[in-house]
Each structure stands twice: as C-alpha cells, then as structure tokens.
Protein backbone atom coordinates (compact mmCIF):
# COMPACT_ATOMS: atom_id res chain seq x y z
CA MET A 1 -86.71 -1.31 218.62
CA GLN A 2 -87.97 -3.54 215.81
CA SER A 3 -90.28 -0.74 214.67
CA LYS A 4 -87.35 1.73 214.43
CA TYR A 5 -85.36 -0.70 212.30
CA THR A 6 -88.39 -1.21 210.04
CA GLN A 7 -88.86 2.55 209.62
CA LEU A 8 -85.16 2.97 208.84
CA GLU A 9 -85.27 0.21 206.24
CA THR A 10 -88.35 1.79 204.70
CA LEU A 11 -86.62 5.18 204.46
CA VAL A 12 -83.55 3.61 202.86
CA CYS A 13 -85.69 1.78 200.32
CA LEU A 14 -87.62 4.93 199.50
CA SER A 15 -84.35 6.84 199.02
CA ILE A 16 -83.04 4.17 196.68
CA LEU A 17 -86.28 4.20 194.71
CA LEU A 18 -86.14 8.00 194.42
CA ILE A 19 -82.52 7.84 193.22
CA LEU A 20 -83.39 5.14 190.69
CA ALA A 21 -86.38 7.14 189.50
CA GLN A 22 -84.23 10.24 189.13
CA CYS A 23 -81.59 8.28 187.21
CA GLN A 24 -84.24 6.80 184.97
CA ASN A 25 -85.67 10.28 184.46
CA LEU A 26 -82.23 11.65 183.50
CA ASN A 27 -81.55 8.72 181.21
CA GLY A 28 -84.97 9.15 179.73
CA LYS A 29 -84.26 12.84 179.06
CA ARG A 30 -80.94 12.00 177.45
CA ASN A 31 -82.43 9.27 175.31
CA MET A 32 -85.35 11.48 174.33
CA TYR A 33 -83.00 14.33 173.36
CA LYS A 34 -80.85 11.98 171.29
CA LEU A 35 -83.95 10.64 169.54
CA LEU A 36 -85.32 14.11 168.82
CA SER A 37 -81.88 15.35 167.76
CA SER A 38 -81.40 12.48 165.33
CA SER A 39 -84.81 13.06 163.75
CA ASN A 40 -84.22 16.82 163.55
CA ILE A 41 -80.79 16.40 161.93
CA GLU A 42 -82.11 13.97 159.35
CA GLU A 43 -84.87 16.39 158.37
CA ALA A 44 -82.42 19.31 158.35
CA MET A 45 -80.02 17.54 155.99
CA GLN A 46 -82.83 16.82 153.55
CA GLU A 47 -83.77 20.48 153.54
CA LEU A 48 -80.40 22.26 153.87
CA CYS A 49 -77.99 20.01 151.98
CA PRO A 50 -75.87 20.38 150.03
CA PHE A 51 -73.97 23.56 150.86
CA PRO A 52 -70.40 24.76 150.23
CA GLY A 53 -67.91 22.63 152.14
CA TYR A 54 -64.15 22.96 152.29
CA HIS A 55 -63.73 21.31 148.89
CA GLY A 56 -67.07 22.04 147.23
CA THR A 57 -70.57 20.61 147.55
CA TYR A 58 -70.94 19.05 150.98
CA CYS A 59 -73.34 17.31 153.34
CA PRO A 60 -72.45 15.71 156.69
CA GLN A 61 -73.88 12.41 155.48
CA GLU A 62 -73.88 10.88 152.04
CA ASN A 63 -76.91 9.50 150.20
CA VAL A 64 -79.27 12.17 151.52
CA ALA A 65 -82.23 13.16 149.36
CA PHE A 66 -81.59 16.87 148.79
CA ALA A 67 -85.16 18.12 148.40
CA SER A 68 -84.39 21.86 148.39
CA TYR A 69 -81.38 21.32 146.09
CA LYS A 70 -83.56 19.63 143.50
CA ARG A 71 -86.12 22.43 143.74
CA ASN A 72 -83.32 24.96 143.32
CA LEU A 73 -82.13 23.28 140.12
CA GLN A 74 -85.65 23.43 138.70
CA SER A 75 -86.07 27.16 139.33
CA GLY A 76 -85.30 29.79 136.71
CA ILE A 77 -82.49 31.59 138.55
CA PRO A 78 -80.91 29.36 141.22
CA LYS A 79 -80.18 30.50 144.74
CA MET A 80 -76.66 31.57 145.61
CA PRO A 81 -74.94 28.62 147.34
CA SER A 82 -75.21 29.30 151.08
CA GLY A 83 -71.54 29.70 151.96
CA ILE A 84 -72.27 31.53 155.20
CA GLY A 85 -74.11 30.70 158.41
CA ALA A 86 -72.95 27.10 158.58
CA SER A 87 -71.97 25.62 161.92
CA PHE A 88 -68.70 23.81 162.60
CA ASP A 89 -66.77 22.22 165.44
CA ILE A 90 -63.72 24.33 166.22
CA SER A 91 -62.01 21.42 167.98
CA THR A 92 -61.81 19.49 164.69
CA GLY A 93 -62.86 21.85 161.90
CA GLU A 94 -65.70 19.52 160.93
CA LEU A 95 -68.58 21.29 159.19
CA LYS A 96 -72.04 20.52 160.54
CA LEU A 97 -75.12 22.22 159.03
CA PRO A 98 -76.36 25.68 158.02
CA ALA A 99 -77.81 27.26 161.16
CA ILE A 100 -78.91 30.77 160.12
CA GLN A 101 -82.20 31.44 158.36
CA LEU A 102 -81.71 32.65 154.78
CA THR A 103 -84.58 34.13 152.76
CA TYR A 104 -84.67 34.14 148.96
CA GLN A 105 -87.23 36.07 146.91
CA SER A 106 -89.15 34.18 144.27
CA GLU A 107 -89.21 37.33 142.15
CA PRO A 108 -85.94 39.08 143.02
CA SER A 109 -85.03 42.61 142.03
CA GLN A 110 -81.85 43.32 140.10
CA GLU A 111 -80.13 44.24 143.38
CA GLN A 112 -80.93 40.76 144.68
CA ILE A 113 -79.31 39.01 141.71
CA TYR A 114 -75.59 38.34 141.50
CA THR A 115 -73.95 37.78 138.11
CA ASP A 116 -70.70 35.83 138.08
CA PRO A 117 -68.19 37.89 136.04
CA LEU A 118 -66.41 34.81 134.66
CA SER A 119 -69.35 32.68 133.54
CA SER A 120 -72.19 35.26 133.42
CA ARG A 121 -74.34 32.87 135.46
CA GLN A 122 -76.88 34.52 137.73
CA PHE A 123 -77.84 33.67 141.30
CA ILE A 124 -80.44 34.96 143.77
CA VAL A 125 -78.78 36.46 146.84
CA ALA A 126 -80.35 35.86 150.27
CA ASP A 127 -82.00 38.93 151.79
CA GLU A 128 -79.87 38.62 154.93
CA THR A 129 -76.50 38.60 153.17
CA SER A 130 -74.14 40.95 151.35
CA ILE A 131 -71.63 39.71 148.79
CA GLU A 132 -68.67 41.22 146.99
CA GLN A 133 -66.08 39.95 144.54
CA VAL A 134 -62.55 40.04 146.02
CA ASN A 135 -59.04 39.31 144.78
CA LEU A 136 -56.74 37.47 147.17
CA ASP A 137 -52.97 37.17 146.93
CA ALA A 138 -51.33 33.76 147.03
CA ASP A 139 -50.86 32.51 150.58
CA ILE A 140 -47.55 30.67 151.06
CA ARG A 141 -46.55 29.43 154.48
CA VAL A 142 -43.48 27.43 155.50
CA PHE A 143 -43.63 25.41 158.70
CA LYS A 144 -40.30 24.55 160.29
CA ASN A 145 -41.75 22.00 162.68
CA GLU A 146 -44.95 20.22 163.60
CA PHE A 147 -45.75 22.68 166.40
CA GLU A 148 -45.93 25.64 164.01
CA LEU A 149 -48.44 23.77 161.83
CA THR A 150 -50.69 22.52 164.62
CA ASN A 151 -50.71 25.99 166.21
CA ILE A 152 -52.81 27.07 163.21
CA TRP A 153 -55.70 25.17 164.79
CA LEU A 154 -54.88 25.94 168.41
CA ASP A 155 -54.76 29.67 167.67
CA ALA A 156 -58.11 29.73 165.85
CA THR A 157 -60.07 30.21 169.05
CA GLN A 158 -58.01 33.34 169.75
CA ASN A 159 -57.78 34.98 166.33
CA GLY A 160 -61.37 34.21 165.34
CA GLN A 161 -60.60 32.73 161.91
CA TRP A 162 -60.68 29.26 160.38
CA LEU A 163 -58.75 28.46 157.21
CA GLY A 164 -59.73 26.18 154.34
CA GLY A 165 -57.98 23.64 152.19
CA GLU A 166 -55.42 21.54 154.06
CA TYR A 167 -55.96 23.71 157.13
CA SER A 168 -59.67 22.93 157.30
CA GLN A 169 -59.48 19.70 159.31
CA SER A 170 -57.28 19.79 162.39
CA LYS A 171 -54.84 16.90 162.61
CA ASP A 172 -53.17 15.17 165.51
CA LEU A 173 -49.63 16.33 166.05
CA ASN A 174 -48.28 12.77 165.95
CA ASP A 175 -49.64 12.30 162.44
CA VAL A 176 -48.33 15.70 161.30
CA TYR A 177 -44.86 14.92 162.64
CA THR A 178 -44.70 11.48 161.01
CA ARG A 179 -45.93 12.68 157.61
CA PHE A 180 -44.03 15.92 157.20
CA PHE A 181 -41.25 16.54 159.71
CA THR A 182 -39.23 13.39 160.30
CA ASN A 183 -35.71 13.08 158.89
CA ASN A 184 -34.96 16.81 159.16
CA GLN A 185 -37.78 17.91 156.87
CA GLN A 186 -40.05 20.93 156.76
CA THR A 187 -43.30 21.48 154.92
CA SER A 188 -45.08 24.29 153.12
CA ILE A 189 -48.68 24.88 152.09
CA ALA A 190 -49.25 27.22 149.15
CA GLN A 191 -52.75 28.38 148.19
CA GLN A 192 -54.02 30.53 145.34
CA SER A 193 -57.71 31.42 145.53
CA LYS A 194 -59.74 31.98 142.37
CA ASN A 195 -63.08 33.70 141.65
CA VAL A 196 -63.60 34.57 145.31
CA ILE A 197 -66.75 36.02 146.86
CA ARG A 198 -66.88 37.46 150.34
CA MET A 199 -70.18 36.76 152.09
CA THR A 200 -71.30 38.66 155.19
CA PHE A 201 -74.53 39.24 157.08
CA LYS A 202 -76.13 42.67 156.87
CA THR A 203 -76.86 42.72 160.59
CA ASP A 204 -75.64 41.10 163.79
CA SER A 205 -79.24 40.26 164.72
CA LEU A 206 -79.27 36.78 163.25
CA LYS A 207 -82.21 34.38 163.23
CA LEU A 208 -81.72 30.64 163.46
CA ASN A 209 -83.42 28.39 160.93
CA ARG A 210 -86.16 26.19 162.34
CA PHE A 211 -83.93 23.13 162.70
CA ALA A 212 -81.24 24.95 164.66
CA GLN A 213 -83.87 26.76 166.75
CA ARG A 214 -85.58 23.46 167.52
CA ALA A 215 -82.25 21.97 168.66
CA ILE A 216 -81.34 24.85 170.96
CA ASP A 217 -84.86 25.10 172.40
CA ALA A 218 -84.66 21.45 173.44
CA LEU A 219 -81.57 22.01 175.61
CA PRO A 220 -82.35 21.65 179.34
CA GLU A 221 -81.57 24.31 181.92
CA ASP A 222 -79.77 21.76 184.11
CA TYR A 223 -76.32 21.03 182.70
CA GLN A 224 -76.36 17.46 181.43
CA VAL A 225 -72.99 16.66 179.88
CA ASP A 226 -74.30 13.98 177.52
CA VAL A 227 -77.11 16.16 176.21
CA TYR A 228 -74.91 19.19 175.57
CA ASN A 229 -72.24 17.04 173.95
CA GLU A 230 -74.95 15.57 171.74
CA PHE A 231 -75.84 19.10 170.67
CA LEU A 232 -72.21 19.98 169.91
CA ASN A 233 -71.74 16.73 168.00
CA ALA A 234 -74.71 17.61 165.82
CA TRP A 235 -74.37 21.39 165.52
CA GLY A 236 -70.75 22.14 166.34
CA THR A 237 -69.38 24.88 168.55
CA HIS A 238 -69.47 27.95 166.28
CA ILE A 239 -71.31 29.52 163.34
CA SER A 240 -69.62 31.27 160.41
CA VAL A 241 -70.76 34.87 159.86
CA ASP A 242 -68.12 36.19 157.41
CA THR A 243 -66.62 33.91 154.76
CA PHE A 244 -64.70 33.60 151.51
CA VAL A 245 -66.07 31.12 148.97
CA GLY A 246 -64.67 30.23 145.56
CA GLY A 247 -62.04 27.95 144.07
CA MET A 248 -58.48 27.20 145.05
CA ILE A 249 -55.22 25.82 143.71
CA GLU A 250 -53.31 24.20 146.56
CA LYS A 251 -49.90 22.57 146.84
CA GLN A 252 -48.18 21.04 149.82
CA THR A 253 -44.45 20.44 149.61
CA VAL A 254 -42.03 18.60 151.87
CA PHE A 255 -38.38 19.60 151.61
CA LYS A 256 -35.07 19.09 153.35
CA ASP A 257 -34.66 21.78 155.98
CA CYS A 258 -31.06 22.29 154.84
CA VAL A 259 -32.43 23.76 151.61
CA PHE A 260 -32.23 27.00 153.61
CA PHE A 261 -28.81 28.59 153.80
CA THR A 262 -26.87 27.70 156.94
CA PRO A 263 -23.15 27.98 157.70
CA GLN A 264 -22.96 24.22 158.33
CA PHE A 265 -23.64 23.43 154.65
CA THR A 266 -22.55 24.74 151.28
CA GLY A 267 -25.19 26.26 149.05
CA GLY A 268 -28.70 26.87 150.30
CA TYR A 269 -31.50 29.36 149.70
CA SER A 270 -32.63 32.38 151.64
CA ALA A 271 -36.20 32.35 152.98
CA GLU A 272 -37.17 34.75 150.18
CA GLN A 273 -35.74 32.41 147.54
CA VAL A 274 -37.63 29.43 148.97
CA ASN A 275 -40.88 31.43 148.93
CA GLU A 276 -40.21 32.47 145.35
CA ALA A 277 -39.60 28.85 144.32
CA LEU A 278 -42.85 27.78 145.99
CA ARG A 279 -44.72 30.65 144.31
CA ASN A 280 -43.35 29.68 140.90
CA GLU A 281 -44.47 26.08 141.31
CA LEU A 282 -47.90 27.17 142.58
CA GLN A 283 -48.32 29.21 139.39
CA GLY A 284 -47.20 26.30 137.22
CA ASN A 285 -43.71 27.63 136.53
CA PRO A 286 -40.58 25.55 137.15
CA ALA A 287 -38.30 26.19 140.10
CA GLU A 288 -34.52 25.85 139.95
CA GLY A 289 -32.89 22.45 140.11
CA PHE A 290 -31.26 22.92 143.52
CA PHE A 291 -34.70 23.34 145.07
CA THR A 292 -36.59 20.70 143.06
CA ALA A 293 -33.96 18.05 143.87
CA ARG A 294 -34.56 18.63 147.58
CA ARG A 295 -38.32 18.80 147.68
CA GLN A 296 -41.24 16.46 147.11
CA VAL A 297 -44.75 17.65 146.25
CA THR A 298 -47.15 15.69 148.45
CA LEU A 299 -50.36 17.45 147.37
CA ASP A 300 -51.26 19.25 144.15
CA HIS A 301 -54.94 19.81 143.47
CA LYS A 302 -57.75 22.21 142.67
CA PHE A 303 -61.12 22.34 144.35
CA GLY A 304 -64.32 24.26 143.93
CA GLY A 305 -66.07 24.15 140.57
CA ASN A 306 -65.22 21.22 138.33
CA PRO A 307 -61.44 20.59 138.48
CA GLU A 308 -61.76 18.01 135.69
CA ASP A 309 -62.74 20.77 133.27
CA VAL A 310 -59.15 21.94 132.92
CA ALA A 311 -59.76 24.53 130.21
CA ASN A 312 -62.77 26.20 131.88
CA TRP A 313 -62.25 25.42 135.56
CA GLU A 314 -62.50 29.01 136.80
CA GLN A 315 -65.78 29.50 134.92
CA THR A 316 -67.30 26.52 136.78
CA ILE A 317 -66.45 27.74 140.29
CA SER A 318 -69.61 29.80 140.87
CA GLN A 319 -71.81 26.70 140.48
CA ASN A 320 -69.88 24.71 143.06
CA PRO A 321 -67.89 27.07 145.28
CA ALA A 322 -65.80 25.81 148.19
CA LEU A 323 -65.57 27.37 151.62
CA LEU A 324 -62.07 28.89 151.48
CA LYS A 325 -61.95 30.70 154.79
CA ILE A 326 -64.11 31.69 157.75
CA ASN A 327 -63.13 35.28 158.52
CA ARG A 328 -65.34 35.56 161.59
CA PHE A 329 -67.49 33.22 163.63
CA LEU A 330 -69.77 33.26 166.67
CA SER A 331 -69.98 30.62 169.37
CA TRP A 332 -73.33 28.93 169.85
CA ASP A 333 -73.94 30.49 173.27
CA ASN A 334 -74.52 33.81 171.47
CA MET A 335 -77.66 32.30 169.94
CA ALA A 336 -79.25 31.14 173.22
CA ALA A 337 -82.00 33.32 174.72
CA ASN A 338 -82.21 31.42 178.01
CA PRO A 339 -79.42 32.67 180.35
CA GLN A 340 -78.91 29.23 181.92
CA VAL A 341 -78.73 27.48 178.55
CA LYS A 342 -76.29 30.18 177.39
CA ALA A 343 -74.06 29.49 180.40
CA ASN A 344 -74.32 25.74 179.84
CA LEU A 345 -73.31 26.11 176.19
CA GLN A 346 -70.33 28.25 177.17
CA GLN A 347 -69.23 25.56 179.61
CA ALA A 348 -69.69 22.73 177.09
CA ILE A 349 -67.81 24.60 174.35
CA ASN A 350 -64.98 25.62 176.67
CA ASN A 351 -64.67 22.04 177.91
CA ARG A 352 -64.43 20.74 174.36
CA ILE A 353 -61.77 23.30 173.40
CA GLU A 354 -59.77 22.63 176.57
CA SER A 355 -59.93 18.89 175.95
CA MET A 356 -58.53 19.47 172.46
CA ARG A 357 -55.75 21.66 173.84
CA GLN A 358 -54.80 19.11 176.48
CA ARG A 359 -54.75 16.34 173.88
CA GLN A 360 -52.46 18.35 171.60
CA GLN A 361 -50.23 19.30 174.55
CA SER A 362 -49.87 15.63 175.40
CA TYR A 363 -48.93 14.93 171.78
CA GLN A 364 -46.40 17.78 171.85
CA ASP A 365 -44.63 16.25 174.83
CA GLN A 366 -44.60 12.85 173.11
CA VAL A 367 -43.25 14.22 169.85
CA ARG A 368 -40.55 16.32 171.53
CA GLU A 369 -39.30 13.21 173.29
CA GLN A 370 -39.62 11.11 170.13
CA ARG A 371 -37.63 13.69 168.16
CA ARG A 372 -34.97 13.86 170.88
CA VAL A 373 -34.63 10.07 171.08
CA GLU A 374 -34.26 9.83 167.30
CA ARG A 375 -31.57 12.51 167.23
CA ILE A 376 -29.35 10.99 169.93
CA GLN A 377 -29.05 7.67 168.07
CA PRO A 378 -25.81 6.65 166.26
CA ARG A 379 -25.34 8.60 163.02
CA THR A 380 -23.25 8.25 159.90
CA ALA A 381 -20.62 10.99 159.88
CA TRP A 382 -17.52 12.14 158.02
CA ALA A 383 -14.20 13.31 159.44
CA VAL A 384 -12.41 16.13 157.59
CA GLY A 385 -9.12 17.84 158.40
CA GLY A 386 -6.87 20.44 156.86
CA ASN A 387 -5.16 23.77 157.06
CA GLY A 388 -4.88 27.09 155.28
CA TYR A 389 -1.67 28.35 153.74
CA SER A 390 1.00 28.84 156.38
CA ALA A 391 4.01 31.10 155.73
CA GLY A 392 7.34 30.84 157.48
CA ALA A 393 10.71 29.20 157.04
CA HIS A 394 8.96 26.12 155.71
CA PRO A 395 5.73 27.29 154.00
CA LEU A 396 2.81 24.87 154.25
CA PRO A 397 0.38 24.80 151.32
CA ALA A 398 -3.35 24.88 151.94
CA MET A 399 -4.86 21.42 152.11
CA ILE A 400 -8.24 19.82 152.82
CA SER A 401 -8.43 16.07 153.38
CA ILE A 402 -11.46 13.86 153.88
CA THR A 403 -10.24 11.44 156.51
CA ARG A 404 -12.97 8.84 156.56
CA GLN A 405 -16.65 7.97 156.96
CA PHE A 406 -17.50 6.60 160.40
CA GLU A 407 -20.38 5.95 162.76
CA MET A 408 -20.86 8.59 165.41
CA LYS A 409 -21.83 6.81 168.62
CA HIS A 410 -25.00 7.26 170.65
CA ALA A 411 -25.10 10.49 172.64
CA ASP A 412 -25.03 8.52 175.90
CA SER A 413 -21.74 6.91 174.83
CA CYS A 414 -19.95 10.19 174.02
CA PRO A 415 -21.46 12.81 176.32
CA VAL A 416 -20.22 16.33 176.88
CA GLY A 417 -17.30 16.34 179.30
CA ALA A 418 -16.46 12.65 178.95
CA ASP A 419 -13.19 11.48 180.46
CA ARG A 420 -10.39 12.34 178.03
CA THR A 421 -8.73 8.92 178.13
CA TYR A 422 -12.09 7.27 177.41
CA ALA A 423 -13.00 9.78 174.69
CA GLU A 424 -9.68 9.33 172.88
CA GLN A 425 -10.48 5.64 172.47
CA PHE A 426 -14.24 5.63 171.86
CA CYS A 427 -15.36 9.11 170.71
CA VAL A 428 -13.12 9.57 167.68
CA SER A 429 -13.54 9.05 163.96
CA GLY A 430 -11.11 6.11 163.88
CA LEU A 431 -8.88 3.90 165.99
CA VAL A 432 -6.11 5.65 167.88
CA HIS A 433 -2.92 3.62 168.38
CA SER A 434 -0.34 6.40 168.27
CA PRO A 435 0.05 10.18 168.61
CA TYR A 436 -0.09 10.38 164.81
CA ASP A 437 -3.54 8.75 164.82
CA LEU A 438 -4.66 11.29 167.40
CA PHE A 439 -3.45 14.07 165.11
CA LYS A 440 -5.23 12.58 162.07
CA GLU A 441 -8.57 11.53 163.55
CA VAL A 442 -11.34 13.81 164.83
CA ARG A 443 -12.76 13.63 168.32
CA TYR A 444 -16.36 14.64 169.05
CA GLU A 445 -18.93 14.87 171.82
CA ARG A 446 -22.74 14.98 171.84
CA ASP A 447 -25.41 16.50 174.04
CA GLN A 448 -28.76 15.03 175.02
CA GLN A 449 -30.59 16.88 172.24
CA GLY A 450 -28.56 15.07 169.59
CA ASN A 451 -26.27 18.00 168.78
CA TYR A 452 -22.57 17.36 168.32
CA ARG A 453 -19.33 19.28 168.02
CA SER A 454 -15.80 18.53 166.87
CA ILE A 455 -12.77 18.73 169.17
CA MET A 456 -9.18 19.36 168.07
CA TYR A 457 -6.17 19.11 170.35
CA ASN A 458 -3.85 22.10 170.46
CA LEU A 459 -0.54 20.39 169.73
CA PHE A 460 1.43 23.54 170.58
CA ALA A 461 -0.27 24.37 173.86
CA ASP A 462 2.74 23.33 175.92
CA VAL A 463 5.02 25.54 173.81
CA THR A 464 2.94 28.59 173.01
CA GLY A 465 0.37 28.37 175.77
CA GLY A 466 -3.35 28.72 175.13
CA PRO A 467 -6.15 26.17 175.48
CA LYS A 468 -5.45 22.45 175.45
CA GLU A 469 -8.31 21.93 173.01
CA PHE A 470 -10.22 23.83 170.34
CA VAL A 471 -13.92 23.03 170.11
CA GLY A 472 -16.42 23.69 167.36
CA ASP A 473 -19.96 24.95 167.74
CA PHE A 474 -22.71 22.47 168.56
CA VAL A 475 -24.76 21.71 165.43
CA ASP A 476 -27.57 19.26 164.77
CA ARG A 477 -26.46 18.51 161.18
CA GLY A 478 -23.91 19.69 158.66
CA CYS A 479 -20.32 20.40 159.75
CA SER A 480 -18.96 21.43 163.13
CA ILE A 481 -15.50 23.05 162.83
CA ALA A 482 -12.89 23.03 165.57
CA GLN A 483 -9.99 25.24 164.55
CA TYR A 484 -6.91 27.22 165.36
CA PHE A 485 -6.66 30.57 163.58
CA GLU A 486 -4.55 33.71 163.78
CA ASP A 487 -6.50 36.40 161.92
CA THR A 488 -9.55 34.95 160.20
CA LYS A 489 -11.77 32.01 161.18
CA TYR A 490 -12.74 29.40 158.61
CA THR A 491 -16.50 29.90 158.31
CA ASP A 492 -17.32 30.18 154.59
CA PHE A 493 -17.32 26.88 152.69
CA ASN A 494 -17.60 28.78 149.43
CA LEU A 495 -13.99 29.98 149.82
CA PRO A 496 -10.64 28.28 150.46
CA PRO A 497 -9.64 28.16 154.14
CA PRO A 498 -7.97 31.38 155.35
CA ASN A 499 -4.22 31.53 155.85
CA GLU A 500 -2.75 30.41 159.15
CA THR A 501 -5.59 28.09 160.10
CA MET A 502 -5.73 24.47 161.18
CA PHE A 503 -9.08 22.71 161.46
CA LYS A 504 -10.98 19.48 161.96
CA LEU A 505 -14.60 18.90 161.06
CA VAL A 506 -17.31 16.38 161.85
CA CYS A 507 -20.08 16.40 159.22
CA THR A 508 -23.43 14.58 159.04
CA ASP A 509 -26.38 14.62 156.64
CA CYS A 510 -24.12 15.55 153.72
CA ILE A 511 -21.28 13.91 151.81
CA PRO A 512 -18.20 16.15 151.82
CA SER A 513 -16.05 16.60 148.74
CA VAL A 514 -13.06 18.74 147.80
CA TYR A 515 -12.52 20.47 144.48
CA ASN A 516 -9.79 22.69 143.12
CA SER A 517 -10.90 26.20 142.23
CA PRO A 518 -8.77 29.03 140.79
CA GLN A 519 -8.55 30.39 144.35
CA GLY A 520 -7.49 27.05 145.82
CA GLN A 521 -9.08 23.98 147.40
CA ILE A 522 -12.69 24.35 148.49
CA LEU A 523 -14.70 22.01 150.72
CA GLN A 524 -18.27 21.24 149.75
CA CYS A 525 -20.86 19.54 151.93
CA SER A 526 -24.19 20.25 150.27
CA CYS A 527 -27.70 19.62 151.45
CA PRO A 528 -28.54 16.10 150.19
CA ALA A 529 -31.15 15.55 147.52
CA PHE A 530 -34.09 13.17 147.94
C-alpha cells in the first residue's frame, strides 16, 4: 500500500514538473519573441524612418537615427517618399512601419523619375509602384451626433478605406461626445487636398521587406495570444496598398444644431446652405453672419509640406507629403505563407477588431444614457400665448404675448399623462390660483427622452363639443404649439398667426420676441448665438 502511495506521489510530482517546464518554455518563447521583436523594430526604424505619416514626416518613435534618410538627402535625386506599403492598426489608426519592399534604381531612367509640377523637384520612383497626379474635390461632412462620427472608424473594416487628417486616429465615443456634441451641438470636418499623388502597386504579388519578413517568420504555429498581440502592436493589422499623399487644408467646426431650419425656430439654413458656408470658410471666404454667430472653429490648420511657408506652401508639399487617405489595404494574414500562421493572424486581427467594436458599443450605451439624463433635467423655458384675428360680432385683433420665463420641471415631475389636478398646480408656467390664471398660463408635459409639448385647455368644449385639450407636438427644443384653429394651423413663425386661431407655446433654447411687421405681429424665437 505504501508503495502505491509513493508511486502516485511520484507521478503527481512528475506531472507538476512537466507543467512547470511547459509554462517556462511558453514564457521563454514569449520573452524571446518580445526580445527579438524589439531588436527588429529598432533596426527597422533606423532603416525605414521617416516616411509619410498623417501629418507629414513620421516615425513611430522620436529621436531615431534615420540612416537611410540621411543617405537619401545626400544623393543627387532623392527617392520618392514611401507613402505606400506602410502598416497600421485598424483598431486605432496608428501607423506602424513600412512593410513592403521598395526598390530604387541608382541610375533611374526618365520613366522612373517623377517631376513635381508645382516645384519642379524630381524624385526616383520605386520599381514596384505606380504614381499619378490627381485632383480631389473638397470633402465636407456634417455629423449630427457622436455615433455618426465614430462610425467612420467602425465602418473602415467593411469599406476597406482609412481616412486622414482628423479621421486618422480613432477616438473614444465619450471623448467625441464631450468635445463636440453636448449642449445641442453638431460638428463638421472640411478637408481640401492639395498637390495630391495617388500611389499604387503594379502587382498584387507583394514582397515584404526583411524586417517585416523576419517578424512574420518568427510567429509560432501554436496560437499564443501574447506573441500574436506583440506582433500586432509592432506591425499593426493591415498594410496600405493604394494611397493618396500630398497636403491638406482642414477645418473642424462646432455649431448649434438649430442653425438648420426647423419649424420650432425662426430662421435657419438648409443643409445645402450650411455646406456652402463651410465650403466658403474652408476656401478662406467669409460666411454670412447668421452662421458665423452660431459656430465656433475648433481646428484650422494645414499639413504636409511646410505650413509655415505661407506664400509657397503648395510648392513644399512634395518634399514632405502627408498620408491623406488609404484607398485600399490588406490584412496581415494575406502575407503569411504558413497556413497555420495565416489562421492565427486572422484570429488575432478579428479579436482586436471585435474588442474595439465592443468597447465602442459600451461607450454608445453610456453616451445614450448620459444624453438622455441630461435632457430630462429642469430647463429654462418661456410661455407664449396669443390668437389670430377673429371676426364676428365683436372682432378680436391678432395678438401675441410673451407670458413669462419659467423653469420647466424635471421629466419625472411632469410625465406624460400626469393627473390633471396635479399637473394644473405643478406642470404649468406659473402659479394657478383662479380660472383666469389657468387661461393665461401654459401647461406642459415631458417624456423620458427629454422632449416636451404644450397643452391648452379647450374652454369651449362644453359648449361646442370637441376635445377637452389641445396638445402640441413633442419637441426637444424650440417651440411646441398647442392650438385651436378653424382653417389654417399656425406653423410658420415668419408670418403672423392665421385668422381664427388660439394658441399657447412652450419654448426652450431660444428667447422669444414679438415685432410688428406690415402684415401684423410676428413671433421670433431664433437659434441662439454662441
């Protein structure tokens, strides 16, 4: 019996030793890969840096001795900046290092020399690449909310493109919301590319440079998460194979979302007018005062070339082009010859992309709730009442009266369908002590998204029949109108109220005013300026 226990203990000990040895072996492999990777990357940066980044000359680390760059400067005709074949991480946009082998002839033919049309500078073109000068229209995009902007990065894995400038580095949705979309704001990014070259490879049979080949050859066939993540951290997830390089003028603008025309406000621009205003400012021309008073420029810069050389900036772009857009890219698994390594890379890349998507989805849920909570809080509001001209035995002239400014209560305090007795005391624009007060003040209710609507009692319901109350449309800002009308509803704030109307309004995010026009009294509640 003692012998059996001894044998069992021996087997257990041997198993533990084997497990420990295996763990040490795995750790040793990981540590060895990290050591080799670090040494390989350091050597690669010395040889391959700098290269065109999103804003011009770039290297993943600063203070690197650029050996090849110095040799290039000493040569008669310099090499064309390698704006293609660089690797990047699609989960962040971060550029890594050039991965594709590029060959430059020491004695190039005329076909292998590119002459910049603006500066007449010449460059040797890599044997593997084709280049062409292209003209790009201004790109102006308006984002109504944070989800539209962050979808630019989420959609990149599907549409196969990666944009430059402010789009180049993906941002967390929380940060995007806080910077650009709080307080009923929207944002736009306007880009005008200059002196643009399109770079493509002549063939799909691409060869990795020795540093990238060394890194991929070192990947093990067994899927080790740490090792494959180390590879992606160093070399990214994808490689650019079709790019635009050049210079860019870029402006980002934040503006009140009510700058767009909406029935709840007076004034406002159409989407086409907003785009035209943004285009004018991108080109250095002034926009109209209504727009400029309701927008703030948060970014206004040039990159590529030497932006400090204001007079000759476009002529300097060819010497220091920026990566403006990746038109097409390949994932790293396409470059692996070993089927198991290829499958491992696919898994590692997919895991990284899915992790990014889950993180952004979590942020989306947080921001939606944050936005909702902000919108259901108490808000400053204005009560307005009036009527159109009414004919009859005792004609009633048209009149618009601003009753008062008041604080609209929290949505939980004045919910949809609240008890009428309660609502008449607590969900009105002012204190109600008599039937006259009830006639003068405006009642309202709010939903759980922060929207609100005005409510007006039908004083003649008992006599003429009809609904006991008239309710306005739910709005999230501007004016909600509850009204009685016979022929024409009161919907256009640019005109006096139609005849035979009675109405009450609750307005937020604007200060209402009344002015006398030749046609009669007109209510204004314009989009507020900054």
